[in-house]
Amino acid sequence: MKYTDPAGRVLLPVLVSLGTQSADLLFEMASEMNVSLDELFSSILEDSVIGLTESSQFSHDVVIPDSCSTEHLLKYLRID
């Protein structure tokens, strides 16, 4: 695994619920890689978000009103 400076890291405690077979596989992977389960999860999560960028188009196109009546919502969704 690639070394990263601890000062540039964010601690994010996570509770994960998964099946017994999946847990066994993750423990086996960590053991074979000679890393802790935390390090394995960190590397998997880091790899999964590499290349993702914040979509500026989405944030500029979305308008969230302060309130919305049922009629307005149904009209917007075109459910009559």
PDB file of N, CA and C in Angstrom:
ATOM      1  N   MET A   1       0.820  -1.179   0.000  1.00  0.00           N
ATOM      2  CA  MET A   1       0.000   0.000   0.000  1.00  0.00           C
ATOM      3  C   MET A   1       0.862   1.240   0.000  1.00  0.00           C
ATOM      4  N   LYS A   2       0.316   2.293  -0.541  1.00  0.00           N
ATOM      5  CA  LYS A   2       1.037   3.546  -0.638  1.00  0.00           C
ATOM      6  C   LYS A   2       0.994   4.288   0.700  1.00  0.00           C
ATOM      7  N   TYR A   3       2.133   4.796   1.127  1.00  0.00           N
ATOM      8  CA  TYR A   3       2.191   5.550   2.377  1.00  0.00           C
ATOM      9  C   TYR A   3       1.583   6.936   2.176  1.00  0.00           C
ATOM     10  N   THR A   4       0.767   7.350   3.111  1.00  0.00           N
ATOM     11  CA  THR A   4       0.232   8.703   3.086  1.00  0.00           C
ATOM     12  C   THR A   4       0.523   9.370   4.421  1.00  0.00           C
ATOM     13  N   ASP A   5       0.731  10.651   4.385  1.00  0.00           N
ATOM     14  CA  ASP A   5       1.025  11.423   5.576  1.00  0.00           C
ATOM     15  C   ASP A   5      -0.201  11.442   6.490  1.00  0.00           C
ATOM     16  N   PRO A   6      -0.066  11.026   7.743  1.00  0.00           N
ATOM     17  CA  PRO A   6      -1.209  11.009   8.660  1.00  0.00           C
ATOM     18  C   PRO A   6      -1.851  12.382   8.858  1.00  0.00           C
ATOM     19  N   ALA A   7      -1.094  13.452   8.659  1.00  0.00           N
ATOM     20  CA  ALA A   7      -1.653  14.794   8.817  1.00  0.00           C
ATOM     21  C   ALA A   7      -2.705  15.092   7.753  1.00  0.00           C
ATOM     22  N   GLY A   8      -2.632  14.412   6.623  1.00  0.00           N
ATOM     23  CA  GLY A   8      -3.586  14.627   5.543  1.00  0.00           C
ATOM     24  C   GLY A   8      -4.745  13.648   5.566  1.00  0.00           C
ATOM     25  N   ARG A   9      -4.915  12.937   6.664  1.00  0.00           N
ATOM     26  CA  ARG A   9      -5.957  11.924   6.765  1.00  0.00           C
ATOM     27  C   ARG A   9      -7.103  12.428   7.635  1.00  0.00           C
ATOM     28  N   VAL A  10      -8.298  11.910   7.387  1.00  0.00           N
ATOM     29  CA  VAL A  10      -9.478  12.222   8.183  1.00  0.00           C
ATOM     30  C   VAL A  10      -9.953  10.926   8.811  1.00  0.00           C
ATOM     31  N   LEU A  11     -10.098  10.923  10.133  1.00  0.00           N
ATOM     32  CA  LEU A  11     -10.590   9.742  10.831  1.00  0.00           C
ATOM     33  C   LEU A  11     -12.103   9.690  10.691  1.00  0.00           C
ATOM     34  N   LEU A  12     -12.598   8.595  10.128  1.00  0.00           N
ATOM     35  CA  LEU A  12     -14.026   8.432   9.907  1.00  0.00           C
ATOM     36  C   LEU A  12     -14.435   7.055  10.437  1.00  0.00           C
ATOM     37  N   PRO A  13     -14.842   6.995  11.708  1.00  0.00           N
ATOM     38  CA  PRO A  13     -15.261   5.703  12.259  1.00  0.00           C
ATOM     39  C   PRO A  13     -16.505   5.196  11.521  1.00  0.00           C
ATOM     40  N   VAL A  14     -16.497   3.934  11.134  1.00  0.00           N
ATOM     41  CA  VAL A  14     -17.588   3.374  10.343  1.00  0.00           C
ATOM     42  C   VAL A  14     -18.005   2.040  10.957  1.00  0.00           C
ATOM     43  N   LEU A  15     -19.300   1.818  11.027  1.00  0.00           N
ATOM     44  CA  LEU A  15     -19.843   0.540  11.452  1.00  0.00           C
ATOM     45  C   LEU A  15     -20.365  -0.161  10.203  1.00  0.00           C
ATOM     46  N   VAL A  16     -19.856  -1.361   9.919  1.00  0.00           N
ATOM     47  CA  VAL A  16     -20.206  -2.076   8.702  1.00  0.00           C
ATOM     48  C   VAL A  16     -20.912  -3.371   9.072  1.00  0.00           C
ATOM     49  N   SER A  17     -22.020  -3.618   8.397  1.00  0.00           N
ATOM     50  CA  SER A  17     -22.748  -4.865   8.590  1.00  0.00           C
ATOM     51  C   SER A  17     -22.694  -5.650   7.295  1.00  0.00           C
ATOM     52  N   LEU A  18     -22.167  -6.874   7.372  1.00  0.00           N
ATOM     53  CA  LEU A  18     -22.080  -7.703   6.175  1.00  0.00           C
ATOM     54  C   LEU A  18     -22.164  -9.168   6.552  1.00  0.00           C
ATOM     55  N   GLY A  19     -22.323  -9.990   5.547  1.00  0.00           N
ATOM     56  CA  GLY A  19     -22.472 -11.421   5.767  1.00  0.00           C
ATOM     57  C   GLY A  19     -21.185 -12.069   6.249  1.00  0.00           C
ATOM     58  N   THR A  20     -21.336 -13.237   6.840  1.00  0.00           N
ATOM     59  CA  THR A  20     -20.202 -13.976   7.385  1.00  0.00           C
ATOM     60  C   THR A  20     -19.163 -14.289   6.318  1.00  0.00           C
ATOM     61  N   GLN A  21     -19.611 -14.705   5.130  1.00  0.00           N
ATOM     62  CA  GLN A  21     -18.669 -15.037   4.060  1.00  0.00           C
ATOM     63  C   GLN A  21     -17.893 -13.807   3.608  1.00  0.00           C
ATOM     64  N   SER A  22     -18.578 -12.669   3.516  1.00  0.00           N
ATOM     65  CA  SER A  22     -17.899 -11.433   3.114  1.00  0.00           C
ATOM     66  C   SER A  22     -16.886 -11.015   4.164  1.00  0.00           C
ATOM     67  N   ALA A  23     -17.255 -11.112   5.434  1.00  0.00           N
ATOM     68  CA  ALA A  23     -16.336 -10.757   6.514  1.00  0.00           C
ATOM     69  C   ALA A  23     -15.110 -11.671   6.493  1.00  0.00           C
ATOM     70  N   ASP A  24     -15.338 -12.967   6.306  1.00  0.00           N
ATOM     71  CA  ASP A  24     -14.212 -13.910   6.228  1.00  0.00           C
ATOM     72  C   ASP A  24     -13.280 -13.569   5.075  1.00  0.00           C
ATOM     73  N   LEU A  25     -13.854 -13.211   3.933  1.00  0.00           N
ATOM     74  CA  LEU A  25     -13.048 -12.854   2.772  1.00  0.00           C
ATOM     75  C   LEU A  25     -12.217 -11.605   3.045  1.00  0.00           C
ATOM     76  N   LEU A  26     -12.828 -10.597   3.678  1.00  0.00           N
ATOM     77  CA  LEU A  26     -12.088  -9.375   3.991  1.00  0.00           C
ATOM     78  C   LEU A  26     -10.968  -9.639   4.994  1.00  0.00           C
ATOM     79  N   PHE A  27     -11.237 -10.449   6.026  1.00  0.00           N
ATOM     80  CA  PHE A  27     -10.188 -10.807   6.975  1.00  0.00           C
ATOM     81  C   PHE A  27      -9.053 -11.542   6.286  1.00  0.00           C
ATOM     82  N   GLU A  28      -9.392 -12.450   5.367  1.00  0.00           N
ATOM     83  CA  GLU A  28      -8.380 -13.198   4.626  1.00  0.00           C
ATOM     84  C   GLU A  28      -7.562 -12.268   3.739  1.00  0.00           C
ATOM     85  N   MET A  29      -8.231 -11.339   3.075  1.00  0.00           N
ATOM     86  CA  MET A  29      -7.519 -10.378   2.222  1.00  0.00           C
ATOM     87  C   MET A  29      -6.539  -9.550   3.046  1.00  0.00           C
ATOM     88  N   ALA A  30      -6.999  -9.039   4.185  1.00  0.00           N
ATOM     89  CA  ALA A  30      -6.137  -8.224   5.046  1.00  0.00           C
ATOM     90  C   ALA A  30      -4.944  -9.039   5.534  1.00  0.00           C
ATOM     91  N   SER A  31      -5.204 -10.275   5.901  1.00  0.00           N
ATOM     92  CA  SER A  31      -4.131 -11.140   6.376  1.00  0.00           C
ATOM     93  C   SER A  31      -3.097 -11.400   5.284  1.00  0.00           C
ATOM     94  N   GLU A  32      -3.567 -11.701   4.077  1.00  0.00           N
ATOM     95  CA  GLU A  32      -2.651 -11.969   2.963  1.00  0.00           C
ATOM     96  C   GLU A  32      -1.845 -10.734   2.577  1.00  0.00           C
ATOM     97  N   MET A  33      -2.448  -9.559   2.747  1.00  0.00           N
ATOM     98  CA  MET A  33      -1.754  -8.312   2.420  1.00  0.00           C
ATOM     99  C   MET A  33      -0.902  -7.817   3.584  1.00  0.00           C
ATOM    100  N   ASN A  34      -1.009  -8.515   4.728  1.00  0.00           N
ATOM    101  CA  ASN A  34      -0.273  -8.150   5.935  1.00  0.00           C
ATOM    102  C   ASN A  34      -0.602  -6.724   6.399  1.00  0.00           C
ATOM    103  N   VAL A  35      -1.902  -6.385   6.366  1.00  0.00           N
ATOM    104  CA  VAL A  35      -2.376  -5.082   6.824  1.00  0.00           C
ATOM    105  C   VAL A  35      -3.554  -5.297   7.770  1.00  0.00           C
ATOM    106  N   SER A  36      -3.905  -4.246   8.495  1.00  0.00           N
ATOM    107  CA  SER A  36      -5.065  -4.336   9.376  1.00  0.00           C
ATOM    108  C   SER A  36      -6.344  -4.216   8.551  1.00  0.00           C
ATOM    109  N   LEU A  37      -7.453  -4.615   9.148  1.00  0.00           N
ATOM    110  CA  LEU A  37      -8.737  -4.500   8.475  1.00  0.00           C
ATOM    111  C   LEU A  37      -9.058  -3.023   8.193  1.00  0.00           C
ATOM    112  N   ASP A  38      -8.694  -2.129   9.118  1.00  0.00           N
ATOM    113  CA  ASP A  38      -8.889  -0.691   8.897  1.00  0.00           C
ATOM    114  C   ASP A  38      -8.128  -0.206   7.671  1.00  0.00           C
ATOM    115  N   GLU A  39      -6.880  -0.663   7.536  1.00  0.00           N
ATOM    116  CA  GLU A  39      -6.078  -0.270   6.375  1.00  0.00           C
ATOM    117  C   GLU A  39      -6.669  -0.809   5.081  1.00  0.00           C
ATOM    118  N   LEU A  40      -7.196  -2.027   5.128  1.00  0.00           N
ATOM    119  CA  LEU A  40      -7.824  -2.613   3.950  1.00  0.00           C
ATOM    120  C   LEU A  40      -9.046  -1.798   3.540  1.00  0.00           C
ATOM    121  N   PHE A  41      -9.926  -1.495   4.500  1.00  0.00           N
ATOM    122  CA  PHE A  41     -11.104  -0.685   4.194  1.00  0.00           C
ATOM    123  C   PHE A  41     -10.707   0.691   3.662  1.00  0.00           C
ATOM    124  N   SER A  42      -9.708   1.302   4.268  1.00  0.00           N
ATOM    125  CA  SER A  42      -9.261   2.622   3.817  1.00  0.00           C
ATOM    126  C   SER A  42      -8.804   2.580   2.368  1.00  0.00           C
ATOM    127  N   SER A  43      -8.020   1.555   2.010  1.00  0.00           N
ATOM    128  CA  SER A  43      -7.523   1.483   0.636  1.00  0.00           C
ATOM    129  C   SER A  43      -8.660   1.197  -0.344  1.00  0.00           C
ATOM    130  N   ILE A  44      -9.615   0.340   0.050  1.00  0.00           N
ATOM    131  CA  ILE A  44     -10.754   0.058  -0.827  1.00  0.00           C
ATOM    132  C   ILE A  44     -11.577   1.329  -1.038  1.00  0.00           C
ATOM    133  N   LEU A  45     -11.828   2.069   0.031  1.00  0.00           N
ATOM    134  CA  LEU A  45     -12.609   3.297  -0.088  1.00  0.00           C
ATOM    135  C   LEU A  45     -11.881   4.360  -0.898  1.00  0.00           C
ATOM    136  N   GLU A  46     -10.583   4.503  -0.666  1.00  0.00           N
ATOM    137  CA  GLU A  46      -9.799   5.473  -1.446  1.00  0.00           C
ATOM    138  C   GLU A  46      -9.848   5.130  -2.933  1.00  0.00           C
ATOM    139  N   ASP A  47      -9.655   3.866  -3.260  1.00  0.00           N
ATOM    140  CA  ASP A  47      -9.664   3.439  -4.657  1.00  0.00           C
ATOM    141  C   ASP A  47     -11.028   3.647  -5.311  1.00  0.00           C
ATOM    142  N   SER A  48     -12.093   3.504  -4.520  1.00  0.00           N
ATOM    143  CA  SER A  48     -13.434   3.617  -5.100  1.00  0.00           C
ATOM    144  C   SER A  48     -13.807   5.054  -5.457  1.00  0.00           C
ATOM    145  N   VAL A  49     -13.151   6.045  -4.866  1.00  0.00           N
ATOM    146  CA  VAL A  49     -13.506   7.431  -5.156  1.00  0.00           C
ATOM    147  C   VAL A  49     -12.473   8.168  -6.000  1.00  0.00           C
ATOM    148  N   ILE A  50     -11.397   7.499  -6.356  1.00  0.00           N
ATOM    149  CA  ILE A  50     -10.388   8.137  -7.206  1.00  0.00           C
ATOM    150  C   ILE A  50     -11.031   8.505  -8.536  1.00  0.00           C
ATOM    151  N   GLY A  51     -10.835   9.704  -8.960  1.00  0.00           N
ATOM    152  CA  GLY A  51     -11.374  10.147 -10.238  1.00  0.00           C
ATOM    153  C   GLY A  51     -12.740  10.797 -10.138  1.00  0.00           C
ATOM    154  N   LEU A  52     -13.392  10.659  -8.984  1.00  0.00           N
ATOM    155  CA  LEU A  52     -14.683  11.331  -8.830  1.00  0.00           C
ATOM    156  C   LEU A  52     -14.447  12.806  -8.566  1.00  0.00           C
ATOM    157  N   THR A  53     -15.241  13.630  -9.180  1.00  0.00           N
ATOM    158  CA  THR A  53     -15.160  15.062  -8.931  1.00  0.00           C
ATOM    159  C   THR A  53     -16.551  15.572  -8.645  1.00  0.00           C
ATOM    160  N   GLU A  54     -16.613  16.677  -7.940  1.00  0.00           N
ATOM    161  CA  GLU A  54     -17.897  17.276  -7.652  1.00  0.00           C
ATOM    162  C   GLU A  54     -18.480  17.838  -8.940  1.00  0.00           C
ATOM    163  N   SER A  55     -19.697  17.482  -9.218  1.00  0.00           N
ATOM    164  CA  SER A  55     -20.349  17.943 -10.436  1.00  0.00           C
ATOM    165  C   SER A  55     -20.899  19.348 -10.222  1.00  0.00           C
ATOM    166  N   SER A  56     -20.267  20.318 -10.842  1.00  0.00           N
ATOM    167  CA  SER A  56     -20.721  21.696 -10.684  1.00  0.00           C
ATOM    168  C   SER A  56     -22.060  21.908 -11.384  1.00  0.00           C
ATOM    169  N   GLN A  57     -22.321  21.161 -12.445  1.00  0.00           N
ATOM    170  CA  GLN A  57     -23.581  21.295 -13.165  1.00  0.00           C
ATOM    171  C   GLN A  57     -24.744  20.922 -12.260  1.00  0.00           C
ATOM    172  N   PHE A  58     -24.614  19.846 -11.510  1.00  0.00           N
ATOM    173  CA  PHE A  58     -25.693  19.406 -10.634  1.00  0.00           C
ATOM    174  C   PHE A  58     -25.984  20.448  -9.566  1.00  0.00           C
ATOM    175  N   SER A  59     -24.973  20.965  -8.926  1.00  0.00           N
ATOM    176  CA  SER A  59     -25.203  21.889  -7.825  1.00  0.00           C
ATOM    177  C   SER A  59     -25.787  23.215  -8.289  1.00  0.00           C
ATOM    178  N   HIS A  60     -25.565  23.608  -9.528  1.00  0.00           N
ATOM    179  CA  HIS A  60     -26.112  24.871 -10.020  1.00  0.00           C
ATOM    180  C   HIS A  60     -27.528  24.712 -10.575  1.00  0.00           C
ATOM    181  N   ASP A  61     -27.891  23.516 -10.996  1.00  0.00           N
ATOM    182  CA  ASP A  61     -29.206  23.285 -11.582  1.00  0.00           C
ATOM    183  C   ASP A  61     -30.276  22.938 -10.560  1.00  0.00           C
ATOM    184  N   VAL A  62     -29.878  22.582  -9.352  1.00  0.00           N
ATOM    185  CA  VAL A  62     -30.841  22.133  -8.346  1.00  0.00           C
ATOM    186  C   VAL A  62     -31.288  23.311  -7.499  1.00  0.00           C
ATOM    187  N   VAL A  63     -32.609  23.449  -7.395  1.00  0.00           N
ATOM    188  CA  VAL A  63     -33.190  24.480  -6.543  1.00  0.00           C
ATOM    189  C   VAL A  63     -34.049  23.779  -5.503  1.00  0.00           C
ATOM    190  N   ILE A  64     -33.750  24.007  -4.245  1.00  0.00           N
ATOM    191  CA  ILE A  64     -34.516  23.404  -3.166  1.00  0.00           C
ATOM    192  C   ILE A  64     -35.340  24.499  -2.510  1.00  0.00           C
ATOM    193  N   PRO A  65     -36.675  24.426  -2.646  1.00  0.00           N
ATOM    194  CA  PRO A  65     -37.521  25.473  -2.071  1.00  0.00           C
ATOM    195  C   PRO A  65     -37.593  25.355  -0.547  1.00  0.00           C
ATOM    196  N   ASP A  66     -37.963  26.462   0.087  1.00  0.00           N
ATOM    197  CA  ASP A  66     -38.136  26.462   1.539  1.00  0.00           C
ATOM    198  C   ASP A  66     -39.345  25.629   1.946  1.00  0.00           C
ATOM    199  N   SER A  67     -40.361  25.626   1.097  1.00  0.00           N
ATOM    200  CA  SER A  67     -41.548  24.827   1.379  1.00  0.00           C
ATOM    201  C   SER A  67     -42.185  24.419   0.053  1.00  0.00           C
ATOM    202  N   CYS A  68     -43.048  23.415   0.121  1.00  0.00           N
ATOM    203  CA  CYS A  68     -43.697  22.914  -1.083  1.00  0.00           C
ATOM    204  C   CYS A  68     -45.034  22.310  -0.684  1.00  0.00           C
ATOM    205  N   SER A  69     -46.086  22.754  -1.347  1.00  0.00           N
ATOM    206  CA  SER A  69     -47.403  22.189  -1.060  1.00  0.00           C
ATOM    207  C   SER A  69     -47.552  20.864  -1.796  1.00  0.00           C
ATOM    208  N   THR A  70     -48.490  20.072  -1.364  1.00  0.00           N
ATOM    209  CA  THR A  70     -48.762  18.797  -2.022  1.00  0.00           C
ATOM    210  C   THR A  70     -49.145  19.013  -3.474  1.00  0.00           C
ATOM    211  N   GLU A  71     -49.933  20.045  -3.736  1.00  0.00           N
ATOM    212  CA  GLU A  71     -50.364  20.347  -5.098  1.00  0.00           C
ATOM    213  C   GLU A  71     -49.170  20.675  -5.995  1.00  0.00           C
ATOM    214  N   HIS A  72     -48.254  21.503  -5.474  1.00  0.00           N
ATOM    215  CA  HIS A  72     -47.058  21.842  -6.248  1.00  0.00           C
ATOM    216  C   HIS A  72     -46.210  20.604  -6.516  1.00  0.00           C
ATOM    217  N   LEU A  73     -46.079  19.746  -5.510  1.00  0.00           N
ATOM    218  CA  LEU A  73     -45.290  18.541  -5.672  1.00  0.00           C
ATOM    219  C   LEU A  73     -45.921  17.621  -6.726  1.00  0.00           C
ATOM    220  N   LEU A  74     -47.228  17.418  -6.644  1.00  0.00           N
ATOM    221  CA  LEU A  74     -47.910  16.568  -7.615  1.00  0.00           C
ATOM    222  C   LEU A  74     -47.828  17.155  -9.026  1.00  0.00           C
ATOM    223  N   LYS A  75     -47.925  18.489  -9.115  1.00  0.00           N
ATOM    224  CA  LYS A  75     -47.809  19.134 -10.424  1.00  0.00           C
ATOM    225  C   LYS A  75     -46.392  18.948 -10.974  1.00  0.00           C
ATOM    226  N   TYR A  76     -45.404  19.095 -10.116  1.00  0.00           N
ATOM    227  CA  TYR A  76     -44.024  18.937 -10.549  1.00  0.00           C
ATOM    228  C   TYR A  76     -43.753  17.499 -11.003  1.00  0.00           C
ATOM    229  N   LEU A  77     -44.294  16.539 -10.267  1.00  0.00           N
ATOM    230  CA  LEU A  77     -44.096  15.136 -10.606  1.00  0.00           C
ATOM    231  C   LEU A  77     -45.062  14.663 -11.685  1.00  0.00           C
ATOM    232  N   ARG A  78     -46.011  15.516 -12.037  1.00  0.00           N
ATOM    233  CA  ARG A  78     -47.041  15.210 -13.038  1.00  0.00           C
ATOM    234  C   ARG A  78     -47.854  13.990 -12.664  1.00  0.00           C
ATOM    235  N   ILE A  79     -48.214  13.935 -11.388  1.00  0.00           N
ATOM    236  CA  ILE A  79     -49.080  12.871 -10.883  1.00  0.00           C
ATOM    237  C   ILE A  79     -50.421  13.513 -10.580  1.00  0.00           C
ATOM    238  N   ASP A  80     -51.454  13.148 -11.319  1.00  0.00           N
ATOM    239  CA  ASP A  80     -52.772  13.717 -11.093  1.00  0.00           C
ATOM    240  C   ASP A  80     -53.779  12.649 -10.780  1.00  0.00           C
TER     241      ASP A  80
END
